[in-house]
């Protein structure tokens, strides 16, 4: 994603009734954030677009190297 740009589209796979109807992401000065957008009604009856911005957190396993076949099998000290 280019710096200082965003994308926002209709949420076609909401996880619950309270899921945002619009989702996307934004890159601000090289940092990425999630966007959750809602269409709201103002006190005078006009509609406006509002929402939340949350920092993207790296996955806990994103920087771990993949397991080698020996590591995936388990402990060699088990006698069976």
N, C-alpha and C. Protein backbone atom coordinates (compact mmCIF):
# COMPACT_ATOMS: atom_id res chain seq x y z
N UNK A 1 0.85 -1.17 0.00
CA UNK A 1 0.00 0.00 0.00
C UNK A 1 0.89 1.24 0.00
N UNK A 2 0.56 2.19 -0.83
CA UNK A 2 1.34 3.42 -0.91
C UNK A 2 1.13 4.28 0.34
N UNK A 3 2.15 5.05 0.68
CA UNK A 3 2.08 5.92 1.84
C UNK A 3 1.00 6.98 1.65
N UNK A 4 0.25 7.24 2.73
CA UNK A 4 -0.81 8.25 2.78
C UNK A 4 -1.96 7.95 1.82
N UNK A 5 -2.30 6.67 1.70
CA UNK A 5 -3.46 6.26 0.90
C UNK A 5 -4.34 5.34 1.74
N UNK A 6 -5.56 5.13 1.30
CA UNK A 6 -6.45 4.20 2.00
C UNK A 6 -7.32 3.48 0.99
N UNK A 7 -7.92 2.36 1.45
CA UNK A 7 -8.94 1.68 0.67
C UNK A 7 -10.06 1.30 1.63
N UNK A 8 -11.26 1.36 1.15
CA UNK A 8 -12.43 1.07 1.96
C UNK A 8 -13.47 0.46 1.05
N UNK A 9 -14.04 -0.66 1.45
CA UNK A 9 -15.05 -1.31 0.62
C UNK A 9 -16.11 -1.95 1.51
N UNK A 10 -17.21 -2.34 0.90
CA UNK A 10 -18.31 -2.97 1.63
C UNK A 10 -17.82 -4.27 2.25
N UNK A 11 -18.17 -4.50 3.49
CA UNK A 11 -17.80 -5.72 4.21
C UNK A 11 -18.75 -6.83 3.76
N UNK A 12 -18.27 -7.72 2.92
CA UNK A 12 -19.12 -8.79 2.39
C UNK A 12 -19.14 -10.03 3.28
N UNK A 13 -18.28 -10.05 4.31
CA UNK A 13 -18.23 -11.19 5.22
C UNK A 13 -18.23 -10.73 6.68
N UNK A 14 -19.34 -10.10 7.14
CA UNK A 14 -19.37 -9.64 8.53
C UNK A 14 -19.34 -10.83 9.50
N UNK A 15 -18.64 -10.65 10.62
CA UNK A 15 -18.52 -11.71 11.62
C UNK A 15 -19.68 -11.72 12.60
N UNK A 16 -20.38 -10.59 12.73
CA UNK A 16 -21.52 -10.49 13.66
C UNK A 16 -22.44 -9.36 13.20
N UNK A 17 -23.53 -9.19 13.92
CA UNK A 17 -24.48 -8.11 13.59
C UNK A 17 -23.88 -6.73 13.83
N UNK A 18 -22.87 -6.63 14.66
CA UNK A 18 -22.26 -5.34 14.96
C UNK A 18 -21.01 -5.06 14.12
N UNK A 19 -20.68 -5.97 13.19
CA UNK A 19 -19.52 -5.75 12.32
C UNK A 19 -19.73 -4.51 11.47
N UNK A 20 -18.65 -3.80 11.20
CA UNK A 20 -18.74 -2.59 10.38
C UNK A 20 -19.18 -2.95 8.97
N UNK A 21 -20.10 -2.17 8.39
CA UNK A 21 -20.53 -2.44 7.02
C UNK A 21 -19.47 -2.10 5.97
N UNK A 22 -18.47 -1.32 6.34
CA UNK A 22 -17.36 -0.97 5.45
C UNK A 22 -16.04 -1.21 6.19
N UNK A 23 -15.09 -1.84 5.52
CA UNK A 23 -13.80 -2.11 6.13
C UNK A 23 -12.69 -1.82 5.14
N UNK A 24 -11.50 -1.63 5.66
CA UNK A 24 -10.36 -1.38 4.79
C UNK A 24 -9.13 -1.08 5.61
N UNK A 25 -8.19 -0.42 4.98
CA UNK A 25 -6.95 -0.06 5.67
C UNK A 25 -6.44 1.27 5.15
N UNK A 26 -5.56 1.87 5.94
CA UNK A 26 -4.97 3.15 5.60
C UNK A 26 -3.49 3.11 5.96
N UNK A 27 -2.68 3.78 5.17
CA UNK A 27 -1.25 3.91 5.45
C UNK A 27 -0.98 5.38 5.70
N UNK A 28 -0.58 5.70 6.93
CA UNK A 28 -0.28 7.08 7.30
C UNK A 28 1.19 7.16 7.67
N UNK A 29 1.94 7.90 6.89
CA UNK A 29 3.37 8.07 7.12
C UNK A 29 4.10 6.73 7.28
N UNK A 30 3.69 5.73 6.50
CA UNK A 30 4.35 4.43 6.51
C UNK A 30 3.83 3.45 7.54
N UNK A 31 2.87 3.84 8.38
CA UNK A 31 2.28 2.94 9.36
C UNK A 31 0.88 2.54 8.90
N UNK A 32 0.56 1.24 9.01
CA UNK A 32 -0.73 0.76 8.53
C UNK A 32 -1.73 0.58 9.66
N UNK A 33 -2.99 0.90 9.35
CA UNK A 33 -4.09 0.83 10.29
C UNK A 33 -5.29 0.19 9.62
N UNK A 34 -6.15 -0.47 10.43
CA UNK A 34 -7.42 -0.99 9.95
C UNK A 34 -8.47 0.11 10.01
N UNK A 35 -9.39 0.13 9.06
CA UNK A 35 -10.51 1.07 9.07
C UNK A 35 -11.81 0.29 9.22
N UNK A 36 -12.73 0.82 10.03
CA UNK A 36 -14.08 0.29 10.16
C UNK A 36 -15.03 1.46 9.96
N UNK A 37 -15.84 1.42 8.90
CA UNK A 37 -16.68 2.55 8.57
C UNK A 37 -18.16 2.27 8.73
N UNK A 38 -18.90 3.30 9.14
CA UNK A 38 -20.34 3.23 9.36
C UNK A 38 -21.00 4.45 8.73
N UNK A 39 -22.22 4.29 8.24
CA UNK A 39 -23.03 5.42 7.80
C UNK A 39 -23.93 5.79 8.97
N UNK A 40 -23.82 7.03 9.42
CA UNK A 40 -24.55 7.51 10.59
C UNK A 40 -25.52 8.62 10.22
N UNK A 41 -26.46 8.90 11.12
CA UNK A 41 -27.40 10.00 10.95
C UNK A 41 -27.09 11.09 11.96
N UNK A 42 -26.98 12.32 11.48
CA UNK A 42 -26.72 13.45 12.38
C UNK A 42 -28.02 13.91 13.03
N UNK A 43 -27.91 14.82 13.96
CA UNK A 43 -29.08 15.34 14.67
C UNK A 43 -30.07 16.01 13.72
N UNK A 44 -29.56 16.62 12.63
CA UNK A 44 -30.46 17.28 11.69
C UNK A 44 -30.98 16.33 10.60
N UNK A 45 -30.65 15.05 10.71
CA UNK A 45 -31.16 14.06 9.77
C UNK A 45 -30.28 13.77 8.58
N UNK A 46 -29.20 14.52 8.41
CA UNK A 46 -28.31 14.24 7.28
C UNK A 46 -27.41 13.06 7.62
N UNK A 47 -26.97 12.38 6.60
CA UNK A 47 -26.11 11.21 6.78
C UNK A 47 -24.65 11.61 6.67
N UNK A 48 -23.82 10.92 7.42
CA UNK A 48 -22.37 11.13 7.32
C UNK A 48 -21.66 9.81 7.53
N UNK A 49 -20.44 9.77 7.09
CA UNK A 49 -19.62 8.58 7.18
C UNK A 49 -18.66 8.75 8.34
N UNK A 50 -18.62 7.79 9.26
CA UNK A 50 -17.71 7.85 10.40
C UNK A 50 -17.17 6.46 10.69
N UNK A 51 -16.27 6.38 11.63
CA UNK A 51 -15.74 5.06 11.95
C UNK A 51 -14.58 5.08 12.90
N UNK A 52 -13.87 3.97 12.89
CA UNK A 52 -12.76 3.75 13.81
C UNK A 52 -11.49 3.39 13.04
N UNK A 53 -10.37 3.75 13.63
CA UNK A 53 -9.06 3.41 13.09
C UNK A 53 -8.31 2.65 14.19
N UNK A 54 -7.80 1.48 13.84
CA UNK A 54 -7.05 0.66 14.79
C UNK A 54 -5.72 0.26 14.18
N UNK A 55 -4.64 0.30 14.96
CA UNK A 55 -3.34 -0.08 14.40
C UNK A 55 -3.33 -1.55 14.01
N UNK A 56 -2.65 -1.83 12.90
CA UNK A 56 -2.46 -3.22 12.51
C UNK A 56 -1.36 -3.79 13.39
N UNK A 57 -1.64 -4.89 14.03
CA UNK A 57 -0.65 -5.52 14.89
C UNK A 57 -0.04 -6.70 14.13
N UNK A 58 1.28 -6.86 14.20
CA UNK A 58 1.88 -8.00 13.52
C UNK A 58 1.43 -9.29 14.18
N UNK A 59 1.25 -10.32 13.36
CA UNK A 59 0.89 -11.63 13.89
C UNK A 59 2.02 -12.14 14.77
N UNK A 60 1.69 -12.83 15.83
CA UNK A 60 2.69 -13.32 16.77
C UNK A 60 3.67 -14.28 16.11
N UNK A 61 3.22 -15.03 15.11
CA UNK A 61 4.10 -16.00 14.47
C UNK A 61 4.69 -15.50 13.16
N UNK A 62 4.51 -14.23 12.83
CA UNK A 62 4.94 -13.71 11.53
C UNK A 62 6.45 -13.73 11.37
N UNK A 63 7.20 -13.53 12.46
CA UNK A 63 8.64 -13.47 12.32
C UNK A 63 9.35 -14.76 12.72
N UNK A 64 8.58 -15.80 13.01
CA UNK A 64 9.18 -17.08 13.36
C UNK A 64 9.54 -17.84 12.08
N UNK A 65 10.71 -18.48 12.05
CA UNK A 65 11.04 -19.27 10.87
C UNK A 65 10.18 -20.52 10.83
N UNK A 66 9.92 -21.07 9.65
CA UNK A 66 9.12 -22.28 9.57
C UNK A 66 9.84 -23.44 10.26
N UNK A 67 9.07 -24.39 10.79
CA UNK A 67 9.65 -25.55 11.45
C UNK A 67 10.35 -26.45 10.44
N UNK A 68 11.48 -27.00 10.88
CA UNK A 68 12.14 -28.00 10.04
C UNK A 68 11.41 -29.33 10.24
N UNK A 69 11.57 -30.29 9.36
CA UNK A 69 10.90 -31.58 9.54
C UNK A 69 11.25 -32.23 10.88
N UNK A 70 12.49 -32.07 11.36
CA UNK A 70 12.88 -32.65 12.64
C UNK A 70 12.13 -31.97 13.79
N UNK A 71 11.99 -30.65 13.72
CA UNK A 71 11.27 -29.92 14.77
C UNK A 71 9.78 -30.25 14.77
N UNK A 72 9.22 -30.47 13.61
CA UNK A 72 7.79 -30.73 13.50
C UNK A 72 7.44 -32.10 14.07
N UNK A 73 8.35 -33.06 14.02
CA UNK A 73 8.07 -34.40 14.50
C UNK A 73 8.01 -34.43 16.02
N UNK A 74 8.93 -33.78 16.68
CA UNK A 74 8.89 -33.75 18.12
C UNK A 74 10.21 -34.13 18.75
N UNK A 75 10.14 -34.55 20.00
CA UNK A 75 11.31 -34.85 20.81
C UNK A 75 11.88 -36.23 20.47
N UNK A 76 13.19 -36.32 20.17
CA UNK A 76 13.82 -37.58 19.84
C UNK A 76 14.08 -38.44 21.07
N UNK A 77 13.90 -37.90 22.28
CA UNK A 77 14.17 -38.65 23.51
C UNK A 77 13.00 -39.55 23.91
N UNK A 78 11.88 -39.45 23.23
CA UNK A 78 10.74 -40.31 23.57
C UNK A 78 11.05 -41.72 23.05
N UNK A 79 10.95 -42.75 23.91
CA UNK A 79 11.39 -44.09 23.52
C UNK A 79 10.43 -44.85 22.61
N UNK A 80 9.35 -44.29 22.18
CA UNK A 80 8.45 -45.03 21.28
C UNK A 80 8.16 -44.28 20.04
